C-alpha atoms as a PDB file:
ATOM      1  CA  MET A   1      11.393   2.533 -15.356  1.00  0.00           C
ATOM      2  CA  SER A   2      14.712   1.115 -16.450  1.00  0.00           C
ATOM      3  CA  THR A   3      15.445  -2.509 -15.799  1.00  0.00           C
ATOM      4  CA  PRO A   4      18.121  -3.505 -13.269  1.00  0.00           C
ATOM      5  CA  THR A   5      20.176  -5.391 -15.821  1.00  0.00           C
ATOM      6  CA  SER A   6      23.012  -3.989 -17.912  1.00  0.00           C
ATOM      7  CA  PRO A   7      23.800  -4.722 -21.576  1.00  0.00           C
ATOM      8  CA  GLU A   8      26.767  -6.812 -20.417  1.00  0.00           C
ATOM      9  CA  ALA A   9      24.713  -8.964 -18.004  1.00  0.00           C
ATOM     10  CA  PRO A  10      23.740 -12.465 -19.158  1.00  0.00           C
ATOM     11  CA  PRO A  11      20.040 -12.946 -19.867  1.00  0.00           C
ATOM     12  CA  VAL A  12      17.775 -14.046 -17.041  1.00  0.00           C
ATOM     13  CA  ARG A  13      16.925 -17.730 -17.426  1.00  0.00           C
ATOM     14  CA  LEU A  14      13.147 -18.093 -16.998  1.00  0.00           C
ATOM     15  CA  VAL A  15      10.777 -21.032 -16.576  1.00  0.00           C
ATOM     16  CA  ILE A  16       6.971 -20.748 -16.854  1.00  0.00           C
ATOM     17  CA  VAL A  17       4.658 -23.078 -14.908  1.00  0.00           C
ATOM     18  CA  ASP A  18       0.912 -22.903 -15.669  1.00  0.00           C
ATOM     19  CA  ASP A  19      -1.673 -25.595 -16.346  1.00  0.00           C
ATOM     20  CA  ASP A  20      -3.532 -23.507 -18.954  1.00  0.00           C
ATOM     21  CA  PRO A  21      -1.902 -24.046 -22.378  1.00  0.00           C
ATOM     22  CA  LEU A  22      -3.320 -20.759 -23.663  1.00  0.00           C
ATOM     23  CA  VAL A  23      -1.789 -18.845 -20.757  1.00  0.00           C
ATOM     24  CA  ARG A  24       1.548 -20.587 -21.306  1.00  0.00           C
ATOM     25  CA  ALA A  25       1.412 -19.799 -25.013  1.00  0.00           C
ATOM     26  CA  GLY A  26       0.649 -16.148 -24.294  1.00  0.00           C
ATOM     27  CA  LEU A  27       3.436 -15.853 -21.744  1.00  0.00           C
ATOM     28  CA  THR A  28       5.855 -17.619 -24.080  1.00  0.00           C
ATOM     29  CA  LEU A  29       4.986 -15.207 -26.874  1.00  0.00           C
ATOM     30  CA  MET A  30       5.283 -12.267 -24.497  1.00  0.00           C
ATOM     31  CA  LEU A  31       8.497 -13.239 -22.744  1.00  0.00           C
ATOM     32  CA  GLY A  32      10.301 -15.428 -25.255  1.00  0.00           C
ATOM     33  CA  GLY A  33      11.584 -12.498 -27.261  1.00  0.00           C
ATOM     34  CA  ALA A  34      11.987 -10.005 -24.435  1.00  0.00           C
ATOM     35  CA  GLU A  35      15.373  -8.350 -24.132  1.00  0.00           C
ATOM     36  CA  GLY A  36      17.332  -9.662 -21.169  1.00  0.00           C
ATOM     37  CA  ILE A  37      15.250 -12.856 -20.781  1.00  0.00           C
ATOM     38  CA  ASP A  38      16.008 -16.369 -21.994  1.00  0.00           C
ATOM     39  CA  LEU A  39      12.921 -18.600 -21.764  1.00  0.00           C
ATOM     40  CA  VAL A  40      14.433 -22.022 -21.064  1.00  0.00           C
ATOM     41  CA  GLY A  41      11.418 -24.196 -20.255  1.00  0.00           C
ATOM     42  CA  GLU A  42       7.784 -24.571 -19.305  1.00  0.00           C
ATOM     43  CA  ALA A  43       5.645 -26.983 -17.302  1.00  0.00           C
ATOM     44  CA  ALA A  44       1.928 -27.646 -16.892  1.00  0.00           C
ATOM     45  CA  ASP A  45       1.928 -28.774 -13.259  1.00  0.00           C
ATOM     46  CA  GLY A  46       3.829 -28.367 -10.017  1.00  0.00           C
ATOM     47  CA  THR A  47       4.878 -32.009 -10.084  1.00  0.00           C
ATOM     48  CA  GLN A  48       7.061 -31.226 -13.113  1.00  0.00           C
ATOM     49  CA  VAL A  49       8.903 -28.290 -11.536  1.00  0.00           C
ATOM     50  CA  ALA A  50      11.756 -30.111  -9.766  1.00  0.00           C
ATOM     51  CA  ALA A  51      12.846 -32.050 -12.849  1.00  0.00           C
ATOM     52  CA  LEU A  52      12.459 -28.978 -15.064  1.00  0.00           C
ATOM     53  CA  VAL A  53      14.604 -26.858 -12.733  1.00  0.00           C
ATOM     54  CA  ASP A  54      17.260 -29.583 -12.605  1.00  0.00           C
ATOM     55  CA  ARG A  55      17.322 -29.701 -16.384  1.00  0.00           C
ATOM     56  CA  THR A  56      17.232 -25.992 -17.205  1.00  0.00           C
ATOM     57  CA  ASP A  57      18.850 -24.242 -14.179  1.00  0.00           C
ATOM     58  CA  PRO A  58      16.617 -21.128 -14.298  1.00  0.00           C
ATOM     59  CA  ASP A  59      17.130 -17.893 -12.381  1.00  0.00           C
ATOM     60  CA  VAL A  60      13.390 -17.227 -12.029  1.00  0.00           C
ATOM     61  CA  VAL A  61      10.259 -19.391 -12.081  1.00  0.00           C
ATOM     62  CA  LEU A  62       6.964 -17.765 -13.030  1.00  0.00           C
ATOM     63  CA  MET A  63       4.508 -19.991 -11.123  1.00  0.00           C
ATOM     64  CA  ASP A  64       0.735 -20.244 -11.324  1.00  0.00           C
ATOM     65  CA  ILE A  65      -0.910 -20.899  -7.949  1.00  0.00           C
ATOM     66  CA  ARG A  66      -3.917 -22.985  -8.990  1.00  0.00           C
ATOM     67  CA  MET A  67      -2.960 -26.204 -10.769  1.00  0.00           C
ATOM     68  CA  PRO A  68      -4.670 -29.608 -10.568  1.00  0.00           C
ATOM     69  CA  GLY A  69      -1.831 -32.019  -9.721  1.00  0.00           C
ATOM     70  CA  MET A  70       0.488 -30.068  -7.413  1.00  0.00           C
ATOM     71  CA  ASP A  71      -0.502 -26.464  -6.865  1.00  0.00           C
ATOM     72  CA  GLY A  72       1.945 -23.607  -7.119  1.00  0.00           C
ATOM     73  CA  LEU A  73       2.096 -23.054  -3.372  1.00  0.00           C
ATOM     74  CA  THR A  74       3.235 -26.616  -2.678  1.00  0.00           C
ATOM     75  CA  ALA A  75       5.670 -26.459  -5.582  1.00  0.00           C
ATOM     76  CA  THR A  76       7.076 -23.153  -4.312  1.00  0.00           C
ATOM     77  CA  GLN A  77       7.577 -24.536  -0.816  1.00  0.00           C
ATOM     78  CA  ALA A  78       9.418 -27.581  -2.164  1.00  0.00           C
ATOM     79  CA  LEU A  79      11.501 -25.545  -4.592  1.00  0.00           C
ATOM     80  CA  ARG A  80      12.594 -22.866  -2.120  1.00  0.00           C
ATOM     81  CA  ARG A  81      13.854 -25.497   0.326  1.00  0.00           C
ATOM     82  CA  ARG A  82      16.460 -26.590  -2.217  1.00  0.00           C
ATOM     83  CA  PRO A  83      20.017 -25.174  -2.080  1.00  0.00           C
ATOM     84  CA  GLY A  84      20.573 -22.546  -4.752  1.00  0.00           C
ATOM     85  CA  ALA A  85      16.869 -22.420  -5.607  1.00  0.00           C
ATOM     86  CA  PRO A  86      15.696 -19.989  -8.288  1.00  0.00           C
ATOM     87  CA  GLU A  87      13.494 -17.064  -7.324  1.00  0.00           C
ATOM     88  CA  VAL A  88       9.749 -17.572  -7.678  1.00  0.00           C
ATOM     89  CA  ILE A  89       7.120 -15.097  -8.874  1.00  0.00           C
ATOM     90  CA  VAL A  90       3.561 -16.300  -8.419  1.00  0.00           C
ATOM     91  CA  LEU A  91       0.869 -15.650 -11.015  1.00  0.00           C
ATOM     92  CA  THR A  92      -2.510 -14.854  -9.508  1.00  0.00           C
ATOM     93  CA  THR A  93      -5.528 -12.577  -9.280  1.00  0.00           C
ATOM     94  CA  PHE A  94      -6.538 -10.214  -6.485  1.00  0.00           C
ATOM     95  CA  HIS A  95      -9.157 -12.812  -5.503  1.00  0.00           C
ATOM     96  CA  ALA A  96      -6.395 -15.109  -4.218  1.00  0.00           C
ATOM     97  CA  ASP A  97      -4.919 -12.956  -1.441  1.00  0.00           C
ATOM     98  CA  GLU A  98      -4.609 -15.828   1.020  1.00  0.00           C
ATOM     99  CA  GLN A  99      -2.763 -18.073  -1.426  1.00  0.00           C
ATOM    100  CA  VAL A 100      -0.455 -15.210  -2.433  1.00  0.00           C
ATOM    101  CA  LEU A 101       0.379 -14.503   1.194  1.00  0.00           C
ATOM    102  CA  ARG A 102       1.131 -18.165   1.871  1.00  0.00           C
ATOM    103  CA  ALA A 103       3.310 -18.325  -1.247  1.00  0.00           C
ATOM    104  CA  ILE A 104       5.310 -15.323  -0.079  1.00  0.00           C
ATOM    105  CA  ARG A 105       5.773 -16.890   3.349  1.00  0.00           C
ATOM    106  CA  ALA A 106       6.992 -20.008   1.523  1.00  0.00           C
ATOM    107  CA  GLY A 107       9.707 -17.960  -0.171  1.00  0.00           C
ATOM    108  CA  ALA A 108       8.198 -16.442  -3.326  1.00  0.00           C
ATOM    109  CA  ALA A 109       9.747 -13.097  -4.224  1.00  0.00           C
ATOM    110  CA  GLY A 110       6.393 -11.550  -5.108  1.00  0.00           C
ATOM    111  CA  PHE A 111       3.549 -11.833  -7.545  1.00  0.00           C
ATOM    112  CA  VAL A 112       2.108 -10.477 -10.755  1.00  0.00           C
ATOM    113  CA  LEU A 113      -1.501 -10.475 -11.858  1.00  0.00           C
ATOM    114  CA  LYS A 114      -2.371 -12.494 -14.929  1.00  0.00           C
ATOM    115  CA  ASP A 115      -3.702  -9.391 -16.672  1.00  0.00           C
ATOM    116  CA  THR A 116      -0.537  -7.385 -15.990  1.00  0.00           C
ATOM    117  CA  ALA A 117       0.805  -5.494 -19.008  1.00  0.00           C
ATOM    118  CA  PRO A 118       3.570  -7.423 -20.815  1.00  0.00           C
ATOM    119  CA  ALA A 119       6.218  -4.776 -20.133  1.00  0.00           C
ATOM    120  CA  LYS A 120       5.458  -4.939 -16.401  1.00  0.00           C
ATOM    121  CA  ILE A 121       5.820  -8.726 -16.344  1.00  0.00           C
ATOM    122  CA  VAL A 122       9.193  -8.419 -18.090  1.00  0.00           C
ATOM    123  CA  GLU A 123      10.215  -5.770 -15.567  1.00  0.00           C
ATOM    124  CA  ALA A 124       9.090  -8.003 -12.684  1.00  0.00           C
ATOM    125  CA  VAL A 125      11.198 -10.922 -13.920  1.00  0.00           C
ATOM    126  CA  LEU A 126      14.277  -8.726 -14.322  1.00  0.00           C
ATOM    127  CA  ARG A 127      13.811  -7.097 -10.915  1.00  0.00           C
ATOM    128  CA  VAL A 128      13.406 -10.396  -9.089  1.00  0.00           C
ATOM    129  CA  ALA A 129      16.477 -11.785 -10.833  1.00  0.00           C
ATOM    130  CA  ALA A 130      18.358  -8.719  -9.537  1.00  0.00           C
ATOM    131  CA  GLY A 131      17.248  -9.445  -5.976  1.00  0.00           C
ATOM    132  CA  GLU A 132      14.359  -6.987  -5.708  1.00  0.00           C
ATOM    133  CA  PRO A 133      10.797  -7.942  -4.695  1.00  0.00           C
ATOM    134  CA  VAL A 134       7.956  -7.148  -7.079  1.00  0.00           C
ATOM    135  CA  LEU A 135       5.368  -6.159  -4.504  1.00  0.00           C
ATOM    136  CA  SER A 136       4.599  -2.475  -4.425  1.00  0.00           C
ATOM    137  CA  PRO A 137       4.177  -0.913  -0.966  1.00  0.00           C
ATOM    138  CA  ALA A 138       0.415  -0.631  -1.590  1.00  0.00           C
ATOM    139  CA  VAL A 139       0.100  -4.307  -2.471  1.00  0.00           C
ATOM    140  CA  THR A 140       2.322  -5.291   0.456  1.00  0.00           C
ATOM    141  CA  ARG A 141       0.060  -3.375   2.831  1.00  0.00           C
ATOM    142  CA  ARG A 142      -2.994  -5.101   1.369  1.00  0.00           C
ATOM    143  CA  LEU A 143      -1.507  -8.553   1.880  1.00  0.00           C
ATOM    144  CA  MET A 144      -0.247  -7.722   5.346  1.00  0.00           C
ATOM    145  CA  ALA A 145      -3.684  -6.488   6.354  1.00  0.00           C
ATOM    146  CA  ARG A 146      -5.075  -9.812   5.189  1.00  0.00           C
ATOM    147  CA  ALA A 147      -2.416 -11.643   7.196  1.00  0.00           C
ATOM    148  CA  ALA A 148      -3.334  -9.697  10.330  1.00  0.00           C
ATOM    149  CA  GLY A 149      -6.870 -11.008  10.040  1.00  0.00           C
ATOM    150  CA  ASP A 150      -5.886 -14.634   9.451  1.00  0.00           C
ATOM    151  CA  PRO A 151      -8.092 -16.717  11.815  1.00  0.00           C
ATOM    152  CA  ALA A 152      -5.692 -19.664  11.555  1.00  0.00           C
ATOM    153  CA  ASP A 153      -3.136 -17.932  13.761  1.00  0.00           C
ATOM    154  CA  ASP A 154      -3.591 -16.086  17.045  1.00  0.00           C
ATOM    155  CA  GLY A 155      -2.538 -12.477  16.532  1.00  0.00           C
ATOM    156  CA  GLN A 156      -0.946 -12.025  19.954  1.00  0.00           C
ATOM    157  CA  ALA A 157       1.054 -15.236  19.672  1.00  0.00           C
ATOM    158  CA  ARG A 158       2.209 -14.295  16.171  1.00  0.00           C
ATOM    159  CA  ARG A 159       3.265 -10.857  17.383  1.00  0.00           C
ATOM    160  CA  ALA A 160       5.196 -12.306  20.317  1.00  0.00           C
ATOM    161  CA  ARG A 161       7.041 -14.752  18.056  1.00  0.00           C
ATOM    162  CA  ALA A 162       7.870 -12.032  15.549  1.00  0.00           C
ATOM    163  CA  ARG A 163       9.132  -9.667  18.252  1.00  0.00           C
ATOM    164  CA  ARG A 164      11.406 -12.334  19.681  1.00  0.00           C
ATOM    165  CA  ARG A 165      12.920 -12.874  16.239  1.00  0.00           C
ATOM    166  CA  PHE A 166      13.211  -9.143  15.553  1.00  0.00           C
ATOM    167  CA  ALA A 167      15.046  -8.703  18.871  1.00  0.00           C
ATOM    168  CA  GLU A 168      17.774 -11.063  17.582  1.00  0.00           C
ATOM    169  CA  LEU A 169      18.884  -8.304  15.207  1.00  0.00           C
ATOM    170  CA  GLY A 170      21.358  -5.578  16.020  1.00  0.00           C
ATOM    171  CA  GLU A 171      20.134  -1.998  16.313  1.00  0.00           C
ATOM    172  CA  ARG A 172      21.156  -0.977  12.793  1.00  0.00           C
ATOM    173  CA  GLU A 173      19.745  -4.212  11.381  1.00  0.00           C
ATOM    174  CA  GLN A 174      16.445  -3.400  13.109  1.00  0.00           C
ATOM    175  CA  ASP A 175      16.480   0.044  11.474  1.00  0.00           C
ATOM    176  CA  VAL A 176      17.049  -1.512   8.057  1.00  0.00           C
ATOM    177  CA  ALA A 177      14.442  -4.228   8.607  1.00  0.00           C
ATOM    178  CA  SER A 178      11.849  -1.657   9.659  1.00  0.00           C
ATOM    179  CA  ALA A 179      12.554   0.378   6.530  1.00  0.00           C
ATOM    180  CA  VAL A 180      12.173  -2.753   4.388  1.00  0.00           C
ATOM    181  CA  GLY A 181       8.847  -3.310   6.145  1.00  0.00           C
ATOM    182  CA  ARG A 182       7.718   0.141   5.035  1.00  0.00           C
ATOM    183  CA  GLY A 183       8.489  -0.799   1.428  1.00  0.00           C
ATOM    184  CA  SER A 184      11.596   1.360   1.061  1.00  0.00           C
ATOM    185  CA  SER A 185      14.170   0.560  -1.615  1.00  0.00           C
ATOM    186  CA  ASN A 186      17.863   0.126  -0.812  1.00  0.00           C
ATOM    187  CA  ALA A 187      18.566   3.635  -2.116  1.00  0.00           C
ATOM    188  CA  GLU A 188      15.800   5.134   0.039  1.00  0.00           C
ATOM    189  CA  ILE A 189      17.050   3.262   3.116  1.00  0.00           C
ATOM    190  CA  ALA A 190      20.596   4.402   2.448  1.00  0.00           C
ATOM    191  CA  ALA A 191      19.519   8.041   2.225  1.00  0.00           C
ATOM    192  CA  ALA A 192      17.349   7.869   5.354  1.00  0.00           C
ATOM    193  CA  LEU A 193      19.982   6.127   7.492  1.00  0.00           C
ATOM    194  CA  HIS A 194      23.020   7.916   5.997  1.00  0.00           C
ATOM    195  CA  LEU A 195      24.536   4.675   4.722  1.00  0.00           C
ATOM    196  CA  SER A 196      25.869   3.548   1.371  1.00  0.00           C
ATOM    197  CA  VAL A 197      23.656   1.333  -0.782  1.00  0.00           C
ATOM    198  CA  ALA A 198      26.304  -1.393  -0.519  1.00  0.00           C
ATOM    199  CA  THR A 199      26.117  -1.251   3.284  1.00  0.00           C
ATOM    200  CA  VAL A 200      22.328  -1.509   3.169  1.00  0.00           C
ATOM    201  CA  LYS A 201      22.601  -4.572   0.932  1.00  0.00           C
ATOM    202  CA  THR A 202      25.039  -6.108   3.433  1.00  0.00           C
ATOM    203  CA  HIS A 203      22.616  -5.468   6.301  1.00  0.00           C
ATOM    204  CA  VAL A 204      19.744  -7.003   4.333  1.00  0.00           C
ATOM    205  CA  SER A 205      21.827 -10.098   3.585  1.00  0.00           C
ATOM    206  CA  ARG A 206      22.742 -10.428   7.258  1.00  0.00           C
ATOM    207  CA  ILE A 207      19.101 -10.074   8.312  1.00  0.00           C
ATOM    208  CA  LEU A 208      18.064 -12.808   5.891  1.00  0.00           C
ATOM    209  CA  ALA A 209      20.836 -15.123   7.092  1.00  0.00           C
ATOM    210  CA  ARG A 210      20.324 -14.423  10.798  1.00  0.00           C
ATOM    211  CA  LEU A 211      16.562 -14.990  10.687  1.00  0.00           C
ATOM    212  CA  GLY A 212      16.541 -17.758   8.066  1.00  0.00           C
ATOM    213  CA  LEU A 213      14.377 -15.776   5.649  1.00  0.00           C
ATOM    214  CA  ASN A 214      14.310 -15.999   1.865  1.00  0.00           C
ATOM    215  CA  ASN A 215      13.785 -12.446   0.674  1.00  0.00           C
ATOM    216  CA  ARG A 216      12.854  -8.861   1.491  1.00  0.00           C
ATOM    217  CA  VAL A 217       9.142  -9.552   1.416  1.00  0.00           C
ATOM    218  CA  GLN A 218       9.534 -12.023   4.275  1.00  0.00           C
ATOM    219  CA  ILE A 219      11.417  -9.343   6.227  1.00  0.00           C
ATOM    220  CA  ALA A 220       8.484  -6.989   5.642  1.00  0.00           C
ATOM    221  CA  LEU A 221       6.020  -9.623   6.837  1.00  0.00           C
ATOM    222  CA  LEU A 222       8.055 -10.202   9.996  1.00  0.00           C
ATOM    223  CA  VAL A 223       8.104  -6.471  10.737  1.00  0.00           C
ATOM    224  CA  HIS A 224       4.359  -6.353  10.195  1.00  0.00           C
ATOM    225  CA  ASP A 225       3.733  -9.428  12.349  1.00  0.00           C
ATOM    226  CA  ALA A 226       5.772  -7.814  15.132  1.00  0.00           C
ATOM    227  CA  GLY A 227       3.458  -4.796  15.027  1.00  0.00           C
ATOM    228  CA  LEU A 228       6.292  -2.377  14.333  1.00  0.00           C
ATOM    229  CA  LEU A 229       5.043  -0.394  11.360  1.00  0.00           C
ATOM    230  CA  HIS A 230       2.672   1.839  13.314  1.00  0.00           C
ATOM    231  CA  GLU A 231       5.251   2.227  16.075  1.00  0.00           C
ATOM    232  CA  ASP A 232       7.823   3.359  13.524  1.00  0.00           C
ATOM    233  CA  GLU A 233       5.366   6.002  12.374  1.00  0.00           C
ATOM    234  CA  ASP A 234       5.167   7.235  15.973  1.00  0.00           C
ATOM    235  CA  GLY A 235       8.968   7.438  16.175  1.00  0.00           C
ATOM    236  CA  THR A 236       9.593   4.365  18.323  1.00  0.00           C
ATOM    237  CA  ARG A 237      11.406   1.188  17.393  1.00  0.00           C
ATOM    238  CA  GLY A 238       8.934  -1.160  19.056  1.00  0.00           C
ATOM    239  CA  ALA A 239      10.570  -4.516  19.754  1.00  0.00           C
ATOM    240  CA  THR A 240      12.120  -5.124  23.137  1.00  0.00           C
END
């Protein structure tokens, strides 16, 4: 798959945050010389992230979840609350579904597994910098299924809240949001709804602004929480 950057585009400024020096060294070796990426800093703990971001002004932060001082989830929450915050990709394993889901709700743009092939990690960084999430539809469904079974939140109450928020959108925005929830790309949404890709991007931006969300993955989670994915499959919009 080609990367979403062009030869004329400036390199993506990247910061790595991981408490394991061997992991950091491996990622630095892997990403430091990658075309289209400028590795501008690294940190060993979440407590160092704010100062590092202030100093290096990255586009993307590659963030480990489990760290001893301040974990990656807390660091992501703090970072994404800042104006002009960089995008965050969390590093994890499939054994950390709950933490990954919480990180995405906090504003992370997606995740990569620590044993992901180097080329795929490079691709993930470039995609996130271009405004695309790095969760495949299959992985999104897995995380959403885990969210649906979260005992910390009542499912009916969560659905009611999500439906109220979804109902704030216009009809076309609801169509676009539902398609995002199914994991469709902007091009796929444009083809399905007979819109231009630029118009789809405008709708996505408006949805994010109207609902106070950070990225497409949070739109997908809202659609899931509202219980609309199965209804879409049956040909009904769902929210009222």
